Amino acid sequence: MARESVKARQRKRERMVEKYAEKRAALKAAGDYAALDKLPKNSSPVRLKNRCQLTGRPRGYMRHFGMARVIFRDMALDGKLPGVRKASW
């Protein structure tokens, strides 16, 4: 499980990306790269990292479910994910 400070930093970046999304798009469309450079670095969506919503784990992230493979497996076996079943053949 990730440290709370790492998860908090990620949430802060997500809020900042959302806040500056329209402004960034307008500046990019206008080609004003000098003004774009003056925006906060954390407002760039490139700086976001895919992390598990429950644990903050950065590796083994499953984009479709928004969680790490370990948590996904536990929840699927417990029947907490609708429509997900363990394969058997």
PDB file of N, CA and C in Angstrom:
ATOM      1  N   MET A   1       0.839  -1.176   0.000  1.00  0.00           N
ATOM      2  CA  MET A   1       0.000   0.000   0.000  1.00  0.00           C
ATOM      3  C   MET A   1       0.882   1.237   0.000  1.00  0.00           C
ATOM      4  N   ALA A   2       0.514   2.226  -0.796  1.00  0.00           N
ATOM      5  CA  ALA A   2       1.294   3.449  -0.915  1.00  0.00           C
ATOM      6  C   ALA A   2       1.145   4.305   0.343  1.00  0.00           C
ATOM      7  N   ARG A   3       2.155   5.114   0.582  1.00  0.00           N
ATOM      8  CA  ARG A   3       2.090   6.026   1.729  1.00  0.00           C
ATOM      9  C   ARG A   3       0.990   7.059   1.493  1.00  0.00           C
ATOM     10  N   GLU A   4       0.461   7.575   2.573  1.00  0.00           N
ATOM     11  CA  GLU A   4      -0.620   8.562   2.478  1.00  0.00           C
ATOM     12  C   GLU A   4      -0.153   9.824   1.761  1.00  0.00           C
ATOM     13  N   SER A   5       1.103  10.209   1.955  1.00  0.00           N
ATOM     14  CA  SER A   5       1.614  11.419   1.311  1.00  0.00           C
ATOM     15  C   SER A   5       1.653  11.260  -0.203  1.00  0.00           C
ATOM     16  N   VAL A   6       1.973  10.062  -0.685  1.00  0.00           N
ATOM     17  CA  VAL A   6       2.026   9.808  -2.127  1.00  0.00           C
ATOM     18  C   VAL A   6       0.621   9.867  -2.706  1.00  0.00           C
ATOM     19  N   LYS A   7      -0.346   9.276  -2.000  1.00  0.00           N
ATOM     20  CA  LYS A   7      -1.733   9.305  -2.467  1.00  0.00           C
ATOM     21  C   LYS A   7      -2.280  10.735  -2.446  1.00  0.00           C
ATOM     22  N   ALA A   8      -1.912  11.502  -1.433  1.00  0.00           N
ATOM     23  CA  ALA A   8      -2.381  12.888  -1.329  1.00  0.00           C
ATOM     24  C   ALA A   8      -1.794  13.731  -2.459  1.00  0.00           C
ATOM     25  N   ARG A   9      -0.540  13.495  -2.785  1.00  0.00           N
ATOM     26  CA  ARG A   9       0.114  14.224  -3.879  1.00  0.00           C
ATOM     27  C   ARG A   9      -0.586  13.923  -5.209  1.00  0.00           C
ATOM     28  N   GLN A  10      -0.941  12.675  -5.399  1.00  0.00           N
ATOM     29  CA  GLN A  10      -1.645  12.279  -6.626  1.00  0.00           C
ATOM     30  C   GLN A  10      -3.011  12.958  -6.703  1.00  0.00           C
ATOM     31  N   ARG A  11      -3.752  12.984  -5.590  1.00  0.00           N
ATOM     32  CA  ARG A  11      -5.061  13.641  -5.576  1.00  0.00           C
ATOM     33  C   ARG A  11      -4.917  15.135  -5.867  1.00  0.00           C
ATOM     34  N   LYS A  12      -3.863  15.749  -5.335  1.00  0.00           N
ATOM     35  CA  LYS A  12      -3.614  17.174  -5.574  1.00  0.00           C
ATOM     36  C   LYS A  12      -3.358  17.432  -7.061  1.00  0.00           C
ATOM     37  N   ARG A  13      -2.581  16.553  -7.695  1.00  0.00           N
ATOM     38  CA  ARG A  13      -2.315  16.697  -9.125  1.00  0.00           C
ATOM     39  C   ARG A  13      -3.598  16.537  -9.932  1.00  0.00           C
ATOM     40  N   GLU A  14      -4.438  15.583  -9.546  1.00  0.00           N
ATOM     41  CA  GLU A  14      -5.696  15.368 -10.264  1.00  0.00           C
ATOM     42  C   GLU A  14      -6.582  16.607 -10.196  1.00  0.00           C
ATOM     43  N   ARG A  15      -6.664  17.208  -9.007  1.00  0.00           N
ATOM     44  CA  ARG A  15      -7.462  18.433  -8.861  1.00  0.00           C
ATOM     45  C   ARG A  15      -6.892  19.565  -9.717  1.00  0.00           C
ATOM     46  N   MET A  16      -5.574  19.689  -9.747  1.00  0.00           N
ATOM     47  CA  MET A  16      -4.930  20.760 -10.488  1.00  0.00           C
ATOM     48  C   MET A  16      -5.112  20.578 -12.003  1.00  0.00           C
ATOM     49  N   VAL A  17      -5.023  19.343 -12.473  1.00  0.00           N
ATOM     50  CA  VAL A  17      -5.233  19.071 -13.896  1.00  0.00           C
ATOM     51  C   VAL A  17      -6.647  19.461 -14.288  1.00  0.00           C
ATOM     52  N   GLU A  18      -7.607  19.100 -13.442  1.00  0.00           N
ATOM     53  CA  GLU A  18      -9.001  19.432 -13.715  1.00  0.00           C
ATOM     54  C   GLU A  18      -9.231  20.946 -13.706  1.00  0.00           C
ATOM     55  N   LYS A  19      -8.588  21.630 -12.789  1.00  0.00           N
ATOM     56  CA  LYS A  19      -8.760  23.080 -12.648  1.00  0.00           C
ATOM     57  C   LYS A  19      -8.248  23.841 -13.863  1.00  0.00           C
ATOM     58  N   TYR A  20      -7.097  23.421 -14.391  1.00  0.00           N
ATOM     59  CA  TYR A  20      -6.453  24.165 -15.475  1.00  0.00           C
ATOM     60  C   TYR A  20      -6.704  23.569 -16.860  1.00  0.00           C
ATOM     61  N   ALA A  21      -7.577  22.577 -16.989  1.00  0.00           N
ATOM     62  CA  ALA A  21      -7.783  21.887 -18.271  1.00  0.00           C
ATOM     63  C   ALA A  21      -8.239  22.844 -19.374  1.00  0.00           C
ATOM     64  N   GLU A  22      -9.249  23.665 -19.095  1.00  0.00           N
ATOM     65  CA  GLU A  22      -9.765  24.585 -20.113  1.00  0.00           C
ATOM     66  C   GLU A  22      -8.725  25.624 -20.496  1.00  0.00           C
ATOM     67  N   LYS A  23      -8.040  26.168 -19.507  1.00  0.00           N
ATOM     68  CA  LYS A  23      -7.034  27.197 -19.759  1.00  0.00           C
ATOM     69  C   LYS A  23      -5.886  26.630 -20.605  1.00  0.00           C
ATOM     70  N   ARG A  24      -5.463  25.407 -20.274  1.00  0.00           N
ATOM     71  CA  ARG A  24      -4.383  24.756 -21.036  1.00  0.00           C
ATOM     72  C   ARG A  24      -4.806  24.530 -22.482  1.00  0.00           C
ATOM     73  N   ALA A  25      -6.047  24.070 -22.671  1.00  0.00           N
ATOM     74  CA  ALA A  25      -6.545  23.800 -24.023  1.00  0.00           C
ATOM     75  C   ALA A  25      -6.596  25.086 -24.850  1.00  0.00           C
ATOM     76  N   ALA A  26      -7.050  26.172 -24.218  1.00  0.00           N
ATOM     77  CA  ALA A  26      -7.129  27.450 -24.930  1.00  0.00           C
ATOM     78  C   ALA A  26      -5.743  27.967 -25.306  1.00  0.00           C
ATOM     79  N   LEU A  27      -4.803  27.864 -24.385  1.00  0.00           N
ATOM     80  CA  LEU A  27      -3.442  28.336 -24.673  1.00  0.00           C
ATOM     81  C   LEU A  27      -2.769  27.477 -25.745  1.00  0.00           C
ATOM     82  N   LYS A  28      -3.024  26.180 -25.727  1.00  0.00           N
ATOM     83  CA  LYS A  28      -2.457  25.302 -26.756  1.00  0.00           C
ATOM     84  C   LYS A  28      -3.041  25.621 -28.126  1.00  0.00           C
ATOM     85  N   ALA A  29      -4.346  25.858 -28.167  1.00  0.00           N
ATOM     86  CA  ALA A  29      -5.001  26.189 -29.440  1.00  0.00           C
ATOM     87  C   ALA A  29      -4.484  27.506 -29.996  1.00  0.00           C
ATOM     88  N   ALA A  30      -4.202  28.456 -29.113  1.00  0.00           N
ATOM     89  CA  ALA A  30      -3.687  29.757 -29.543  1.00  0.00           C
ATOM     90  C   ALA A  30      -2.204  29.693 -29.869  1.00  0.00           C
ATOM     91  N   GLY A  31      -1.532  28.658 -29.416  1.00  0.00           N
ATOM     92  CA  GLY A  31      -0.093  28.527 -29.665  1.00  0.00           C
ATOM     93  C   GLY A  31       0.744  29.400 -28.756  1.00  0.00           C
ATOM     94  N   ASP A  32       0.181  29.798 -27.631  1.00  0.00           N
ATOM     95  CA  ASP A  32       0.890  30.658 -26.673  1.00  0.00           C
ATOM     96  C   ASP A  32       1.663  29.788 -25.684  1.00  0.00           C
ATOM     97  N   TYR A  33       2.830  29.319 -26.111  1.00  0.00           N
ATOM     98  CA  TYR A  33       3.600  28.389 -25.288  1.00  0.00           C
ATOM     99  C   TYR A  33       4.324  29.087 -24.137  1.00  0.00           C
ATOM    100  N   ALA A  34       4.536  30.382 -24.242  1.00  0.00           N
ATOM    101  CA  ALA A  34       5.168  31.126 -23.147  1.00  0.00           C
ATOM    102  C   ALA A  34       4.217  31.173 -21.942  1.00  0.00           C
ATOM    103  N   ALA A  35       2.947  31.448 -22.203  1.00  0.00           N
ATOM    104  CA  ALA A  35       1.959  31.488 -21.121  1.00  0.00           C
ATOM    105  C   ALA A  35       1.690  30.078 -20.589  1.00  0.00           C
ATOM    106  N   LEU A  36       1.749  29.101 -21.476  1.00  0.00           N
ATOM    107  CA  LEU A  36       1.558  27.713 -21.068  1.00  0.00           C
ATOM    108  C   LEU A  36       2.664  27.272 -20.121  1.00  0.00           C
ATOM    109  N   ASP A  37       3.839  27.778 -20.365  1.00  0.00           N
ATOM    110  CA  ASP A  37       4.996  27.435 -19.533  1.00  0.00           C
ATOM    111  C   ASP A  37       4.894  28.043 -18.130  1.00  0.00           C
ATOM    112  N   LYS A  38       4.101  29.112 -17.991  1.00  0.00           N
ATOM    113  CA  LYS A  38       3.968  29.779 -16.689  1.00  0.00           C
ATOM    114  C   LYS A  38       2.922  29.121 -15.783  1.00  0.00           C
ATOM    115  N   LEU A  39       2.145  28.212 -16.342  1.00  0.00           N
ATOM    116  CA  LEU A  39       1.178  27.483 -15.517  1.00  0.00           C
ATOM    117  C   LEU A  39       1.923  26.526 -14.589  1.00  0.00           C
ATOM    118  N   PRO A  40       1.294  26.102 -13.495  1.00  0.00           N
ATOM    119  CA  PRO A  40       1.956  25.152 -12.586  1.00  0.00           C
ATOM    120  C   PRO A  40       2.290  23.839 -13.301  1.00  0.00           C
ATOM    121  N   LYS A  41       3.428  23.266 -12.941  1.00  0.00           N
ATOM    122  CA  LYS A  41       3.864  22.022 -13.590  1.00  0.00           C
ATOM    123  C   LYS A  41       2.891  20.891 -13.334  1.00  0.00           C
ATOM    124  N   ASN A  42       2.309  20.851 -12.142  1.00  0.00           N
ATOM    125  CA  ASN A  42       1.392  19.768 -11.804  1.00  0.00           C
ATOM    126  C   ASN A  42       0.034  19.889 -12.492  1.00  0.00           C
ATOM    127  N   SER A  43      -0.173  20.947 -13.267  1.00  0.00           N
ATOM    128  CA  SER A  43      -1.426  21.079 -13.995  1.00  0.00           C
ATOM    129  C   SER A  43      -1.366  20.340 -15.333  1.00  0.00           C
ATOM    130  N   SER A  44      -0.224  19.772 -15.649  1.00  0.00           N
ATOM    131  CA  SER A  44      -0.078  19.010 -16.880  1.00  0.00           C
ATOM    132  C   SER A  44      -0.564  17.570 -16.664  1.00  0.00           C
ATOM    133  N   PRO A  45      -1.423  17.065 -17.559  1.00  0.00           N
ATOM    134  CA  PRO A  45      -1.937  15.707 -17.376  1.00  0.00           C
ATOM    135  C   PRO A  45      -0.869  14.630 -17.533  1.00  0.00           C
ATOM    136  N   VAL A  46       0.261  14.979 -18.116  1.00  0.00           N
ATOM    137  CA  VAL A  46       1.346  14.015 -18.293  1.00  0.00           C
ATOM    138  C   VAL A  46       1.930  13.599 -16.941  1.00  0.00           C
ATOM    139  N   ARG A  47       1.807  14.444 -15.948  1.00  0.00           N
ATOM    140  CA  ARG A  47       2.389  14.160 -14.638  1.00  0.00           C
ATOM    141  C   ARG A  47       1.537  13.230 -13.775  1.00  0.00           C
ATOM    142  N   LEU A  48       0.347  12.884 -14.252  1.00  0.00           N
ATOM    143  CA  LEU A  48      -0.502  11.951 -13.510  1.00  0.00           C
ATOM    144  C   LEU A  48       0.016  10.531 -13.692  1.00  0.00           C
ATOM    145  N   LYS A  49      -0.128   9.737 -12.655  1.00  0.00           N
ATOM    146  CA  LYS A  49       0.277   8.339 -12.679  1.00  0.00           C
ATOM    147  C   LYS A  49      -0.960   7.497 -12.403  1.00  0.00           C
ATOM    148  N   ASN A  50      -1.133   6.438 -13.162  1.00  0.00           N
ATOM    149  CA  ASN A  50      -2.257   5.532 -12.894  1.00  0.00           C
ATOM    150  C   ASN A  50      -2.001   4.811 -11.583  1.00  0.00           C
ATOM    151  N   ARG A  51      -2.899   4.988 -10.625  1.00  0.00           N
ATOM    152  CA  ARG A  51      -2.768   4.345  -9.321  1.00  0.00           C
ATOM    153  C   ARG A  51      -4.097   3.727  -8.926  1.00  0.00           C
ATOM    154  N   CYS A  52      -4.015   2.667  -8.143  1.00  0.00           N
ATOM    155  CA  CYS A  52      -5.205   1.996  -7.624  1.00  0.00           C
ATOM    156  C   CYS A  52      -5.998   2.987  -6.770  1.00  0.00           C
ATOM    157  N   GLN A  53      -7.302   3.022  -6.976  1.00  0.00           N
ATOM    158  CA  GLN A  53      -8.146   3.937  -6.216  1.00  0.00           C
ATOM    159  C   GLN A  53      -8.246   3.561  -4.745  1.00  0.00           C
ATOM    160  N   LEU A  54      -8.067   2.287  -4.437  1.00  0.00           N
ATOM    161  CA  LEU A  54      -8.225   1.829  -3.060  1.00  0.00           C
ATOM    162  C   LEU A  54      -6.916   1.852  -2.277  1.00  0.00           C
ATOM    163  N   THR A  55      -5.829   1.396  -2.894  1.00  0.00           N
ATOM    164  CA  THR A  55      -4.564   1.260  -2.165  1.00  0.00           C
ATOM    165  C   THR A  55      -3.499   2.249  -2.598  1.00  0.00           C
ATOM    166  N   GLY A  56      -3.612   2.806  -3.792  1.00  0.00           N
ATOM    167  CA  GLY A  56      -2.597   3.717  -4.293  1.00  0.00           C
ATOM    168  C   GLY A  56      -1.435   3.007  -4.969  1.00  0.00           C
ATOM    169  N   ARG A  57      -1.551   1.698  -5.152  1.00  0.00           N
ATOM    170  CA  ARG A  57      -0.474   0.920  -5.775  1.00  0.00           C
ATOM    171  C   ARG A  57      -0.298   1.342  -7.236  1.00  0.00           C
ATOM    172  N   PRO A  58       0.950   1.669  -7.650  1.00  0.00           N
ATOM    173  CA  PRO A  58       1.170   2.130  -9.016  1.00  0.00           C
ATOM    174  C   PRO A  58       1.372   1.005 -10.027  1.00  0.00           C
ATOM    175  N   ARG A  59       1.772  -0.166  -9.577  1.00  0.00           N
ATOM    176  CA  ARG A  59       2.047  -1.255 -10.517  1.00  0.00           C
ATOM    177  C   ARG A  59       0.879  -2.226 -10.564  1.00  0.00           C
ATOM    178  N   GLY A  60       0.743  -2.895 -11.686  1.00  0.00           N
ATOM    179  CA  GLY A  60      -0.345  -3.854 -11.841  1.00  0.00           C
ATOM    180  C   GLY A  60      -1.705  -3.183 -11.914  1.00  0.00           C
ATOM    181  N   TYR A  61      -1.738  -1.978 -12.461  1.00  0.00           N
ATOM    182  CA  TYR A  61      -2.974  -1.205 -12.536  1.00  0.00           C
ATOM    183  C   TYR A  61      -3.826  -1.684 -13.700  1.00  0.00           C
ATOM    184  N   MET A  62      -5.097  -1.929 -13.446  1.00  0.00           N
ATOM    185  CA  MET A  62      -6.033  -2.334 -14.497  1.00  0.00           C
ATOM    186  C   MET A  62      -6.925  -1.143 -14.807  1.00  0.00           C
ATOM    187  N   ARG A  63      -6.719  -0.560 -15.968  1.00  0.00           N
ATOM    188  CA  ARG A  63      -7.385   0.685 -16.337  1.00  0.00           C
ATOM    189  C   ARG A  63      -8.907   0.548 -16.379  1.00  0.00           C
ATOM    190  N   HIS A  64      -9.392  -0.569 -16.852  1.00  0.00           N
ATOM    191  CA  HIS A  64     -10.837  -0.765 -16.996  1.00  0.00           C
ATOM    192  C   HIS A  64     -11.552  -0.717 -15.641  1.00  0.00           C
ATOM    193  N   PHE A  65     -10.889  -1.197 -14.601  1.00  0.00           N
ATOM    194  CA  PHE A  65     -11.508  -1.246 -13.276  1.00  0.00           C
ATOM    195  C   PHE A  65     -10.987  -0.162 -12.342  1.00  0.00           C
ATOM    196  N   GLY A  66      -9.849   0.463 -12.664  1.00  0.00           N
ATOM    197  CA  GLY A  66      -9.305   1.529 -11.837  1.00  0.00           C
ATOM    198  C   GLY A  66      -8.673   1.031 -10.546  1.00  0.00           C
ATOM    199  N   MET A  67      -8.211  -0.225 -10.559  1.00  0.00           N
ATOM    200  CA  MET A  67      -7.597  -0.772  -9.355  1.00  0.00           C
ATOM    201  C   MET A  67      -6.453  -1.705  -9.733  1.00  0.00           C
ATOM    202  N   ALA A  68      -5.654  -2.026  -8.734  1.00  0.00           N
ATOM    203  CA  ALA A  68      -4.519  -2.914  -8.943  1.00  0.00           C
ATOM    204  C   ALA A  68      -5.003  -4.358  -9.057  1.00  0.00           C
ATOM    205  N   ARG A  69      -4.186  -5.186  -9.683  1.00  0.00           N
ATOM    206  CA  ARG A  69      -4.542  -6.588  -9.932  1.00  0.00           C
ATOM    207  C   ARG A  69      -4.788  -7.353  -8.640  1.00  0.00           C
ATOM    208  N   VAL A  70      -4.049  -7.015  -7.574  1.00  0.00           N
ATOM    209  CA  VAL A  70      -4.182  -7.732  -6.305  1.00  0.00           C
ATOM    210  C   VAL A  70      -5.565  -7.469  -5.695  1.00  0.00           C
ATOM    211  N   ILE A  71      -5.957  -6.223  -5.665  1.00  0.00           N
ATOM    212  CA  ILE A  71      -7.261  -5.845  -5.113  1.00  0.00           C
ATOM    213  C   ILE A  71      -8.377  -6.382  -6.010  1.00  0.00           C
ATOM    214  N   PHE A  72      -8.162  -6.308  -7.325  1.00  0.00           N
ATOM    215  CA  PHE A  72      -9.155  -6.826  -8.266  1.00  0.00           C
ATOM    216  C   PHE A  72      -9.423  -8.301  -8.003  1.00  0.00           C
ATOM    217  N   ARG A  73      -8.362  -9.070  -7.818  1.00  0.00           N
ATOM    218  CA  ARG A  73      -8.501 -10.517  -7.598  1.00  0.00           C
ATOM    219  C   ARG A  73      -9.268 -10.795  -6.306  1.00  0.00           C
ATOM    220  N   ASP A  74      -8.898 -10.076  -5.235  1.00  0.00           N
ATOM    221  CA  ASP A  74      -9.590 -10.267  -3.960  1.00  0.00           C
ATOM    222  C   ASP A  74     -11.077  -9.949  -4.069  1.00  0.00           C
ATOM    223  N   MET A  75     -11.396  -8.830  -4.715  1.00  0.00           N
ATOM    224  CA  MET A  75     -12.793  -8.417  -4.833  1.00  0.00           C
ATOM    225  C   MET A  75     -13.578  -9.359  -5.753  1.00  0.00           C
ATOM    226  N   ALA A  76     -12.927  -9.838  -6.814  1.00  0.00           N
ATOM    227  CA  ALA A  76     -13.607 -10.747  -7.739  1.00  0.00           C
ATOM    228  C   ALA A  76     -13.918 -12.071  -7.057  1.00  0.00           C
ATOM    229  N   LEU A  77     -12.973 -12.581  -6.276  1.00  0.00           N
ATOM    230  CA  LEU A  77     -13.203 -13.852  -5.590  1.00  0.00           C
ATOM    231  C   LEU A  77     -14.258 -13.728  -4.492  1.00  0.00           C
ATOM    232  N   ASP A  78     -14.363 -12.528  -3.900  1.00  0.00           N
ATOM    233  CA  ASP A  78     -15.387 -12.298  -2.884  1.00  0.00           C
ATOM    234  C   ASP A  78     -16.760 -12.018  -3.494  1.00  0.00           C
ATOM    235  N   GLY A  79     -16.806 -11.853  -4.823  1.00  0.00           N
ATOM    236  CA  GLY A  79     -18.071 -11.579  -5.500  1.00  0.00           C
ATOM    237  C   GLY A  79     -18.500 -10.136  -5.406  1.00  0.00           C
ATOM    238  N   LYS A  80     -17.572  -9.223  -5.192  1.00  0.00           N
ATOM    239  CA  LYS A  80     -17.905  -7.808  -5.032  1.00  0.00           C
ATOM    240  C   LYS A  80     -17.898  -7.040  -6.354  1.00  0.00           C
ATOM    241  N   LEU A  81     -17.445  -7.699  -7.436  1.00  0.00           N
ATOM    242  CA  LEU A  81     -17.448  -7.061  -8.754  1.00  0.00           C
ATOM    243  C   LEU A  81     -18.508  -7.740  -9.624  1.00  0.00           C
ATOM    244  N   PRO A  82     -19.584  -7.053  -9.941  1.00  0.00           N
ATOM    245  CA  PRO A  82     -20.647  -7.678 -10.725  1.00  0.00           C
ATOM    246  C   PRO A  82     -20.174  -8.033 -12.128  1.00  0.00           C
ATOM    247  N   GLY A  83     -20.527  -9.237 -12.566  1.00  0.00           N
ATOM    248  CA  GLY A  83     -20.194  -9.671 -13.913  1.00  0.00           C
ATOM    249  C   GLY A  83     -18.820 -10.260 -14.070  1.00  0.00           C
ATOM    250  N   VAL A  84     -18.044 -10.340 -12.994  1.00  0.00           N
ATOM    251  CA  VAL A  84     -16.684 -10.885 -13.058  1.00  0.00           C
ATOM    252  C   VAL A  84     -16.707 -12.254 -12.404  1.00  0.00           C
ATOM    253  N   ARG A  85     -16.173 -13.226 -13.137  1.00  0.00           N
ATOM    254  CA  ARG A  85     -16.163 -14.599 -12.660  1.00  0.00           C
ATOM    255  C   ARG A  85     -14.789 -15.201 -12.913  1.00  0.00           C
ATOM    256  N   LYS A  86     -14.374 -16.106 -12.072  1.00  0.00           N
ATOM    257  CA  LYS A  86     -13.098 -16.789 -12.264  1.00  0.00           C
ATOM    258  C   LYS A  86     -13.248 -17.752 -13.441  1.00  0.00           C
ATOM    259  N   ALA A  87     -12.267 -17.716 -14.331  1.00  0.00           N
ATOM    260  CA  ALA A  87     -12.333 -18.566 -15.518  1.00  0.00           C
ATOM    261  C   ALA A  87     -12.039 -20.016 -15.136  1.00  0.00           C
ATOM    262  N   SER A  88     -12.736 -20.914 -15.805  1.00  0.00           N
ATOM    263  CA  SER A  88     -12.446 -22.343 -15.655  1.00  0.00           C
ATOM    264  C   SER A  88     -12.802 -23.026 -16.959  1.00  0.00           C
ATOM    265  N   TRP A  89     -11.939 -23.911 -17.402  1.00  0.00           N
ATOM    266  CA  TRP A  89     -12.192 -24.630 -18.658  1.00  0.00           C
ATOM    267  C   TRP A  89     -11.656 -26.018 -18.616  1.00  0.00           C
TER     268      TRP A  89
END
